Amino acid sequence: MTTYQVSSQTSVNKLAGAISHTIQADNPIKLQAVGAASINQAIKSVAVARLMVEEREVDLFVIPAFSQITIDEQPRTMIELTIHER
């Protein structure tokens, strides 16, 4: 499984391109994001990637999950978006 770390500075179009070129039915992609701005970038990237794969008659679906991590010795909640091809 390919995993991408998403930040608030992540380019939506570049990440969407990476998702659309990497996604395969047997190989889901995981996006990991901490904080509202990075989660926003991740969600927008999935929406744009859906448009990119539409011409291949492929659809994407997302399974969201929470995960606990430690940043600077502080517990934080991370959102993990697992993207599958339908």
C-alpha atoms as a PDB file:
ATOM      1  CA  MET A   1       0.000   0.000   0.000  1.00  0.00           C
ATOM      2  CA  THR A   2       1.320   3.398  -0.994  1.00  0.00           C
ATOM      3  CA  THR A   3       1.106   5.989   1.795  1.00  0.00           C
ATOM      4  CA  TYR A   4       1.230   9.764   1.379  1.00  0.00           C
ATOM      5  CA  GLN A   5       1.692  12.243   4.229  1.00  0.00           C
ATOM      6  CA  VAL A   6      -0.516  15.278   3.552  1.00  0.00           C
ATOM      7  CA  SER A   7       0.244  18.738   4.940  1.00  0.00           C
ATOM      8  CA  SER A   8      -1.549  22.047   4.686  1.00  0.00           C
ATOM      9  CA  GLN A   9       0.975  22.992   1.980  1.00  0.00           C
ATOM     10  CA  THR A  10       0.393  19.891  -0.165  1.00  0.00           C
ATOM     11  CA  SER A  11      -0.545  20.706  -3.756  1.00  0.00           C
ATOM     12  CA  VAL A  12      -4.037  19.345  -4.416  1.00  0.00           C
ATOM     13  CA  ASN A  13      -3.383  18.791  -8.128  1.00  0.00           C
ATOM     14  CA  LYS A  14      -0.045  17.049  -7.609  1.00  0.00           C
ATOM     15  CA  LEU A  15      -1.461  14.701  -4.974  1.00  0.00           C
ATOM     16  CA  ALA A  16      -4.538  14.030  -7.116  1.00  0.00           C
ATOM     17  CA  GLY A  17      -2.253  13.144 -10.024  1.00  0.00           C
ATOM     18  CA  ALA A  18      -0.252  10.784  -7.833  1.00  0.00           C
ATOM     19  CA  ILE A  19      -3.463   9.125  -6.625  1.00  0.00           C
ATOM     20  CA  SER A  20      -4.888   8.727 -10.134  1.00  0.00           C
ATOM     21  CA  HIS A  21      -1.648   7.254 -11.497  1.00  0.00           C
ATOM     22  CA  THR A  22      -0.977   4.934  -8.550  1.00  0.00           C
ATOM     23  CA  ILE A  23      -4.418   3.570  -7.696  1.00  0.00           C
ATOM     24  CA  GLN A  24      -5.184  -0.001  -8.726  1.00  0.00           C
ATOM     25  CA  ALA A  25      -7.985  -2.354  -7.713  1.00  0.00           C
ATOM     26  CA  ASP A  26      -5.640  -4.555  -5.695  1.00  0.00           C
ATOM     27  CA  ASN A  27      -3.461  -1.760  -4.308  1.00  0.00           C
ATOM     28  CA  PRO A  28      -5.243   0.898  -2.220  1.00  0.00           C
ATOM     29  CA  ILE A  29      -3.622   4.204  -1.265  1.00  0.00           C
ATOM     30  CA  LYS A  30      -3.494   5.689   2.224  1.00  0.00           C
ATOM     31  CA  LEU A  31      -3.456   9.424   2.935  1.00  0.00           C
ATOM     32  CA  GLN A  32      -2.400  10.519   6.420  1.00  0.00           C
ATOM     33  CA  ALA A  33      -3.260  13.993   7.707  1.00  0.00           C
ATOM     34  CA  VAL A  34      -3.116  15.835  11.042  1.00  0.00           C
ATOM     35  CA  GLY A  35      -5.042  19.086  11.438  1.00  0.00           C
ATOM     36  CA  ALA A  36      -7.952  20.701   9.667  1.00  0.00           C
ATOM     37  CA  ALA A  37      -5.955  22.309   6.842  1.00  0.00           C
ATOM     38  CA  SER A  38      -4.146  19.105   5.877  1.00  0.00           C
ATOM     39  CA  ILE A  39      -7.382  17.075   6.039  1.00  0.00           C
ATOM     40  CA  ASN A  40      -8.952  19.677   3.753  1.00  0.00           C
ATOM     41  CA  GLN A  41      -6.119  19.233   1.225  1.00  0.00           C
ATOM     42  CA  ALA A  42      -6.471  15.444   1.385  1.00  0.00           C
ATOM     43  CA  ILE A  43     -10.234  15.516   0.754  1.00  0.00           C
ATOM     44  CA  LYS A  44      -9.895  17.973  -2.134  1.00  0.00           C
ATOM     45  CA  SER A  45      -7.189  15.760  -3.661  1.00  0.00           C
ATOM     46  CA  VAL A  46      -9.491  12.741  -3.601  1.00  0.00           C
ATOM     47  CA  ALA A  47     -12.266  14.759  -5.276  1.00  0.00           C
ATOM     48  CA  VAL A  48      -9.923  15.906  -8.055  1.00  0.00           C
ATOM     49  CA  ALA A  49      -8.493  12.381  -8.466  1.00  0.00           C
ATOM     50  CA  ARG A  50     -12.040  11.043  -8.980  1.00  0.00           C
ATOM     51  CA  LEU A  51     -12.400  13.410 -11.936  1.00  0.00           C
ATOM     52  CA  MET A  52      -9.047  12.273 -13.323  1.00  0.00           C
ATOM     53  CA  VAL A  53      -9.914   8.557 -13.279  1.00  0.00           C
ATOM     54  CA  GLU A  54     -13.462   9.088 -14.548  1.00  0.00           C
ATOM     55  CA  GLU A  55     -12.372   8.772 -18.195  1.00  0.00           C
ATOM     56  CA  ARG A  56     -11.033   5.267 -17.419  1.00  0.00           C
ATOM     57  CA  GLU A  57     -14.539   4.425 -16.154  1.00  0.00           C
ATOM     58  CA  VAL A  58     -13.145   3.962 -12.654  1.00  0.00           C
ATOM     59  CA  ASP A  59     -14.600   5.296  -9.425  1.00  0.00           C
ATOM     60  CA  LEU A  60     -12.864   5.798  -6.108  1.00  0.00           C
ATOM     61  CA  PHE A  61     -14.203   5.345  -2.615  1.00  0.00           C
ATOM     62  CA  VAL A  62     -12.677   6.304   0.716  1.00  0.00           C
ATOM     63  CA  ILE A  63     -12.655   4.597   4.100  1.00  0.00           C
ATOM     64  CA  PRO A  64     -11.780   7.113   6.833  1.00  0.00           C
ATOM     65  CA  ALA A  65     -10.224   6.102  10.161  1.00  0.00           C
ATOM     66  CA  PHE A  66      -8.704   7.715  13.235  1.00  0.00           C
ATOM     67  CA  SER A  67      -5.209   6.851  14.411  1.00  0.00           C
ATOM     68  CA  GLN A  68      -3.261   8.040  17.452  1.00  0.00           C
ATOM     69  CA  ILE A  69       0.295   9.308  16.955  1.00  0.00           C
ATOM     70  CA  THR A  70       2.831  11.260  18.999  1.00  0.00           C
ATOM     71  CA  ILE A  71       4.272  14.551  17.744  1.00  0.00           C
ATOM     72  CA  ASP A  72       6.795  16.361  19.950  1.00  0.00           C
ATOM     73  CA  GLU A  73       5.893  14.031  22.824  1.00  0.00           C
ATOM     74  CA  GLN A  74       2.234  15.102  22.563  1.00  0.00           C
ATOM     75  CA  PRO A  75      -0.531  12.650  21.603  1.00  0.00           C
ATOM     76  CA  ARG A  76      -2.340  13.703  18.420  1.00  0.00           C
ATOM     77  CA  THR A  77      -5.186  12.260  16.400  1.00  0.00           C
ATOM     78  CA  MET A  78      -4.454  11.570  12.751  1.00  0.00           C
ATOM     79  CA  ILE A  79      -7.015  10.952  10.032  1.00  0.00           C
ATOM     80  CA  GLU A  80      -6.178   8.129   7.649  1.00  0.00           C
ATOM     81  CA  LEU A  81      -8.057   8.007   4.364  1.00  0.00           C
ATOM     82  CA  THR A  82      -7.754   4.673   2.577  1.00  0.00           C
ATOM     83  CA  ILE A  83      -8.648   5.064  -1.099  1.00  0.00           C
ATOM     84  CA  HIS A  84      -9.878   2.086  -3.100  1.00  0.00           C
ATOM     85  CA  GLU A  85     -10.792   1.678  -6.736  1.00  0.00           C
ATOM     86  CA  ARG A  86     -14.345   0.535  -7.434  1.00  0.00           C
END
